[in-house]
Amino acid sequence: MGTDAYLAFIGLGLIMIVSDGQVLYRSGKRYLSDVDSEGDSVHSMAKLVTVLFHLVMFGFLALLSVLDFGFGGHNLRAIVGNLGILLLLLALVHAVTMAVMSQMHDARATEERFARPRPSPATTTSTNIQLQRGPVVTPVPGQQGRDARLSPSIEDQLN
């Protein structure tokens, strides 16, 4: 691959990587903000994941630019062949990045769901926990406490 083809490959690769990174960052921010009301952590998480995406892809671009795959010897074929490999790697890393953001989204949604303050018992109807705190069965007459015990057996009463 000649110098012109090399520079064309690097330029086109940089444009593809940066544009895909921007798509991931903007979509990731929006996707993560669905479950996080604060927003500061959403921006920083989206930035961290996007920076990791860019670093991995710039590394692949650098490696692809020095490897010679021999796509027929013509400059145009070499550019198209290397861009094809770069696009396949870009799709793979894009999918991994989306999976990471989805995992972060699910973790945030779970945290948001279970970290909410519970409503006061006076304003809600009986819940399962509140029902379990009350007596399980009605105690026998004269029995003290909330836990019901077995009544004395008939044999004990006959004696």
C-alpha atoms as a PDB file:
ATOM      1  CA  MET A   1       0.000   0.000   0.000  1.00  0.00           C
ATOM      2  CA  GLY A   2       1.455   3.343  -1.041  1.00  0.00           C
ATOM      3  CA  THR A   3       1.656   6.475   1.072  1.00  0.00           C
ATOM      4  CA  ASP A   4      -1.486   7.980  -0.436  1.00  0.00           C
ATOM      5  CA  ALA A   5      -3.469   4.813   0.162  1.00  0.00           C
ATOM      6  CA  TYR A   6      -2.054   4.550   3.682  1.00  0.00           C
ATOM      7  CA  LEU A   7      -3.089   8.118   4.525  1.00  0.00           C
ATOM      8  CA  ALA A   8      -6.517   7.609   2.919  1.00  0.00           C
ATOM      9  CA  PHE A   9      -7.060   4.475   5.004  1.00  0.00           C
ATOM     10  CA  ILE A  10      -6.014   6.247   8.210  1.00  0.00           C
ATOM     11  CA  GLY A  11      -8.203   9.276   7.430  1.00  0.00           C
ATOM     12  CA  LEU A  12     -11.296   7.253   6.534  1.00  0.00           C
ATOM     13  CA  GLY A  13     -10.754   4.968   9.520  1.00  0.00           C
ATOM     14  CA  LEU A  14     -10.508   7.923  11.904  1.00  0.00           C
ATOM     15  CA  ILE A  15     -13.696   9.440  10.504  1.00  0.00           C
ATOM     16  CA  MET A  16     -15.600   6.146  10.891  1.00  0.00           C
ATOM     17  CA  ILE A  17     -14.349   5.531  14.427  1.00  0.00           C
ATOM     18  CA  VAL A  18     -15.010   9.057  15.694  1.00  0.00           C
ATOM     19  CA  SER A  19     -18.481   9.210  14.141  1.00  0.00           C
ATOM     20  CA  ASP A  20     -19.447   5.812  15.573  1.00  0.00           C
ATOM     21  CA  GLY A  21     -18.060   6.857  18.953  1.00  0.00           C
ATOM     22  CA  GLN A  22     -20.219   9.985  18.909  1.00  0.00           C
ATOM     23  CA  VAL A  23     -23.283   7.920  18.083  1.00  0.00           C
ATOM     24  CA  LEU A  24     -22.493   5.599  20.977  1.00  0.00           C
ATOM     25  CA  TYR A  25     -21.898   8.496  23.379  1.00  0.00           C
ATOM     26  CA  ARG A  26     -25.090  10.392  22.542  1.00  0.00           C
ATOM     27  CA  SER A  27     -27.284   7.307  22.410  1.00  0.00           C
ATOM     28  CA  GLY A  28     -25.674   5.887  25.538  1.00  0.00           C
ATOM     29  CA  LYS A  29     -26.313   9.077  27.490  1.00  0.00           C
ATOM     30  CA  ARG A  30     -29.954   9.027  26.495  1.00  0.00           C
ATOM     31  CA  TYR A  31     -30.288   5.298  27.165  1.00  0.00           C
ATOM     32  CA  LEU A  32     -28.671   5.481  30.596  1.00  0.00           C
ATOM     33  CA  SER A  33     -30.600   8.589  31.637  1.00  0.00           C
ATOM     34  CA  ASP A  34     -33.859   6.630  31.368  1.00  0.00           C
ATOM     35  CA  VAL A  35     -33.133   4.953  34.702  1.00  0.00           C
ATOM     36  CA  ASP A  36     -30.962   7.543  36.454  1.00  0.00           C
ATOM     37  CA  SER A  37     -32.589  10.778  37.439  1.00  0.00           C
ATOM     38  CA  GLU A  38     -29.374  12.482  38.589  1.00  0.00           C
ATOM     39  CA  GLY A  39     -27.541  12.747  35.278  1.00  0.00           C
ATOM     40  CA  ASP A  40     -23.994  13.499  36.476  1.00  0.00           C
ATOM     41  CA  SER A  41     -23.130   9.843  36.735  1.00  0.00           C
ATOM     42  CA  VAL A  42     -24.828   9.152  33.396  1.00  0.00           C
ATOM     43  CA  HIS A  43     -22.535  11.541  31.539  1.00  0.00           C
ATOM     44  CA  SER A  44     -19.407  10.214  33.205  1.00  0.00           C
ATOM     45  CA  MET A  45     -20.351   6.562  32.621  1.00  0.00           C
ATOM     46  CA  ALA A  46     -21.143   7.242  28.967  1.00  0.00           C
ATOM     47  CA  LYS A  47     -17.845   9.099  28.560  1.00  0.00           C
ATOM     48  CA  LEU A  48     -15.834   6.308  30.161  1.00  0.00           C
ATOM     49  CA  VAL A  49     -17.383   3.640  27.954  1.00  0.00           C
ATOM     50  CA  THR A  50     -16.955   5.798  24.852  1.00  0.00           C
ATOM     51  CA  VAL A  51     -13.312   6.559  25.650  1.00  0.00           C
ATOM     52  CA  LEU A  52     -12.675   2.839  26.046  1.00  0.00           C
ATOM     53  CA  PHE A  53     -14.370   2.248  22.681  1.00  0.00           C
ATOM     54  CA  HIS A  54     -12.168   4.877  21.020  1.00  0.00           C
ATOM     55  CA  LEU A  55      -8.964   3.494  22.542  1.00  0.00           C
ATOM     56  CA  VAL A  56      -9.723  -0.046  21.393  1.00  0.00           C
ATOM     57  CA  MET A  57     -10.682   1.066  17.900  1.00  0.00           C
ATOM     58  CA  PHE A  58      -7.676   3.392  17.485  1.00  0.00           C
ATOM     59  CA  GLY A  59      -5.500   0.438  18.476  1.00  0.00           C
ATOM     60  CA  PHE A  60      -7.140  -1.751  15.830  1.00  0.00           C
ATOM     61  CA  LEU A  61      -6.734   1.026  13.261  1.00  0.00           C
ATOM     62  CA  ALA A  62      -3.040   1.344  14.061  1.00  0.00           C
ATOM     63  CA  LEU A  63      -2.544  -2.420  13.782  1.00  0.00           C
ATOM     64  CA  LEU A  64      -4.491  -2.675  10.533  1.00  0.00           C
ATOM     65  CA  SER A  65      -2.544   0.190   9.009  1.00  0.00           C
ATOM     66  CA  VAL A  66       0.782  -1.626   9.350  1.00  0.00           C
ATOM     67  CA  LEU A  67      -0.426  -5.095   8.359  1.00  0.00           C
ATOM     68  CA  ASP A  68      -0.192  -6.019   4.688  1.00  0.00           C
ATOM     69  CA  PHE A  69      -3.022  -8.278   3.623  1.00  0.00           C
ATOM     70  CA  GLY A  70      -2.185  -8.129  -0.102  1.00  0.00           C
ATOM     71  CA  PHE A  71      -5.591  -7.397  -1.582  1.00  0.00           C
ATOM     72  CA  GLY A  72      -4.409  -7.607  -5.177  1.00  0.00           C
ATOM     73  CA  GLY A  73      -1.639  -5.019  -5.168  1.00  0.00           C
ATOM     74  CA  HIS A  74      -3.770  -2.045  -6.253  1.00  0.00           C
ATOM     75  CA  ASN A  75      -4.076   0.906  -3.902  1.00  0.00           C
ATOM     76  CA  LEU A  76      -7.857   1.096  -4.165  1.00  0.00           C
ATOM     77  CA  ARG A  77      -8.254  -2.635  -3.453  1.00  0.00           C
ATOM     78  CA  ALA A  78      -5.951  -2.337  -0.448  1.00  0.00           C
ATOM     79  CA  ILE A  79      -7.935   0.586   0.954  1.00  0.00           C
ATOM     80  CA  VAL A  80     -11.282  -1.148   0.437  1.00  0.00           C
ATOM     81  CA  GLY A  81      -9.989  -4.434   1.891  1.00  0.00           C
ATOM     82  CA  ASN A  82      -8.523  -2.793   4.984  1.00  0.00           C
ATOM     83  CA  LEU A  83     -11.664  -0.709   5.449  1.00  0.00           C
ATOM     84  CA  GLY A  84     -13.734  -3.894   5.234  1.00  0.00           C
ATOM     85  CA  ILE A  85     -11.715  -5.496   8.014  1.00  0.00           C
ATOM     86  CA  LEU A  86     -11.947  -2.270  10.022  1.00  0.00           C
ATOM     87  CA  LEU A  87     -15.733  -2.188   9.561  1.00  0.00           C
ATOM     88  CA  LEU A  88     -16.069  -5.754  10.805  1.00  0.00           C
ATOM     89  CA  LEU A  89     -13.970  -4.929  13.874  1.00  0.00           C
ATOM     90  CA  LEU A  90     -15.939  -1.716  14.359  1.00  0.00           C
ATOM     91  CA  ALA A  91     -19.199  -3.673  14.329  1.00  0.00           C
ATOM     92  CA  LEU A  92     -17.836  -6.176  16.843  1.00  0.00           C
ATOM     93  CA  VAL A  93     -16.555  -3.520  19.252  1.00  0.00           C
ATOM     94  CA  HIS A  94     -19.786  -1.525  18.791  1.00  0.00           C
ATOM     95  CA  ALA A  95     -21.821  -4.591  19.800  1.00  0.00           C
ATOM     96  CA  VAL A  96     -19.626  -5.178  22.860  1.00  0.00           C
ATOM     97  CA  THR A  97     -19.995  -1.516  23.848  1.00  0.00           C
ATOM     98  CA  MET A  98     -23.775  -1.727  23.503  1.00  0.00           C
ATOM     99  CA  ALA A  99     -23.781  -4.847  25.678  1.00  0.00           C
ATOM    100  CA  VAL A 100     -21.757  -3.006  28.336  1.00  0.00           C
ATOM    101  CA  MET A 101     -24.180  -0.064  28.275  1.00  0.00           C
ATOM    102  CA  SER A 102     -27.131  -2.436  28.471  1.00  0.00           C
ATOM    103  CA  GLN A 103     -25.580  -4.130  31.492  1.00  0.00           C
ATOM    104  CA  MET A 104     -25.069  -0.722  33.128  1.00  0.00           C
ATOM    105  CA  HIS A 105     -28.676   0.218  32.311  1.00  0.00           C
ATOM    106  CA  ASP A 106     -30.018  -2.974  33.849  1.00  0.00           C
ATOM    107  CA  ALA A 107     -27.873  -2.546  36.958  1.00  0.00           C
ATOM    108  CA  ARG A 108     -29.085   1.038  37.370  1.00  0.00           C
ATOM    109  CA  ALA A 109     -32.702   0.005  36.859  1.00  0.00           C
ATOM    110  CA  THR A 110     -32.385  -2.711  39.496  1.00  0.00           C
ATOM    111  CA  GLU A 111     -30.666  -0.332  41.895  1.00  0.00           C
ATOM    112  CA  GLU A 112     -33.292   2.340  41.303  1.00  0.00           C
ATOM    113  CA  ARG A 113     -36.103  -0.126  41.841  1.00  0.00           C
ATOM    114  CA  PHE A 114     -34.843  -1.564  45.107  1.00  0.00           C
ATOM    115  CA  ALA A 115     -33.175   1.538  46.571  1.00  0.00           C
ATOM    116  CA  ARG A 116     -36.341   3.640  46.600  1.00  0.00           C
ATOM    117  CA  PRO A 117     -37.552   4.614  50.050  1.00  0.00           C
ATOM    118  CA  ARG A 118     -40.440   2.477  51.122  1.00  0.00           C
ATOM    119  CA  PRO A 119     -43.778   4.172  51.762  1.00  0.00           C
ATOM    120  CA  SER A 120     -44.913   4.485  55.361  1.00  0.00           C
ATOM    121  CA  PRO A 121     -47.217   1.693  56.582  1.00  0.00           C
ATOM    122  CA  ALA A 122     -49.916   4.180  57.571  1.00  0.00           C
ATOM    123  CA  THR A 123     -50.513   5.215  53.971  1.00  0.00           C
ATOM    124  CA  THR A 124     -50.545   1.792  52.355  1.00  0.00           C
ATOM    125  CA  THR A 125     -52.641  -1.305  52.628  1.00  0.00           C
ATOM    126  CA  SER A 126     -51.305  -4.399  54.342  1.00  0.00           C
ATOM    127  CA  THR A 127     -48.281  -5.882  52.696  1.00  0.00           C
ATOM    128  CA  ASN A 128     -47.001  -9.403  52.995  1.00  0.00           C
ATOM    129  CA  ILE A 129     -44.289  -8.329  55.464  1.00  0.00           C
ATOM    130  CA  GLN A 130     -46.819  -6.545  57.650  1.00  0.00           C
ATOM    131  CA  LEU A 131     -49.071  -9.576  57.602  1.00  0.00           C
ATOM    132  CA  GLN A 132     -46.194 -11.802  58.677  1.00  0.00           C
ATOM    133  CA  ARG A 133     -45.466  -9.583  61.677  1.00  0.00           C
ATOM    134  CA  GLY A 134     -48.973 -10.064  63.047  1.00  0.00           C
ATOM    135  CA  PRO A 135     -50.291 -13.240  64.650  1.00  0.00           C
ATOM    136  CA  VAL A 136     -50.212 -16.252  62.401  1.00  0.00           C
ATOM    137  CA  VAL A 137     -53.211 -17.853  64.063  1.00  0.00           C
ATOM    138  CA  THR A 138     -55.499 -16.644  66.777  1.00  0.00           C
ATOM    139  CA  PRO A 139     -54.025 -17.589  70.156  1.00  0.00           C
ATOM    140  CA  VAL A 140     -56.073 -19.861  72.379  1.00  0.00           C
ATOM    141  CA  PRO A 141     -58.047 -18.086  75.092  1.00  0.00           C
ATOM    142  CA  GLY A 142     -55.820 -17.005  77.959  1.00  0.00           C
ATOM    143  CA  GLN A 143     -52.564 -17.363  76.018  1.00  0.00           C
ATOM    144  CA  GLN A 144     -50.138 -14.430  76.104  1.00  0.00           C
ATOM    145  CA  GLY A 145     -47.989 -13.176  73.202  1.00  0.00           C
ATOM    146  CA  ARG A 146     -48.267 -13.105  69.429  1.00  0.00           C
ATOM    147  CA  ASP A 147     -46.971 -16.617  68.694  1.00  0.00           C
ATOM    148  CA  ALA A 148     -49.679 -19.184  69.045  1.00  0.00           C
ATOM    149  CA  ARG A 149     -48.762 -22.441  70.701  1.00  0.00           C
ATOM    150  CA  LEU A 150     -50.539 -25.713  70.737  1.00  0.00           C
ATOM    151  CA  SER A 151     -53.234 -25.936  73.320  1.00  0.00           C
ATOM    152  CA  PRO A 152     -52.736 -28.487  76.062  1.00  0.00           C
ATOM    153  CA  SER A 153     -53.553 -31.969  74.935  1.00  0.00           C
ATOM    154  CA  ILE A 154     -56.741 -33.676  76.005  1.00  0.00           C
ATOM    155  CA  GLU A 155     -54.813 -36.155  78.137  1.00  0.00           C
ATOM    156  CA  ASP A 156     -53.418 -33.295  80.252  1.00  0.00           C
ATOM    157  CA  GLN A 157     -56.907 -31.929  80.839  1.00  0.00           C
ATOM    158  CA  LEU A 158     -58.331 -35.258  81.931  1.00  0.00           C
ATOM    159  CA  ASN A 159     -55.893 -35.704  84.795  1.00  0.00           C
END
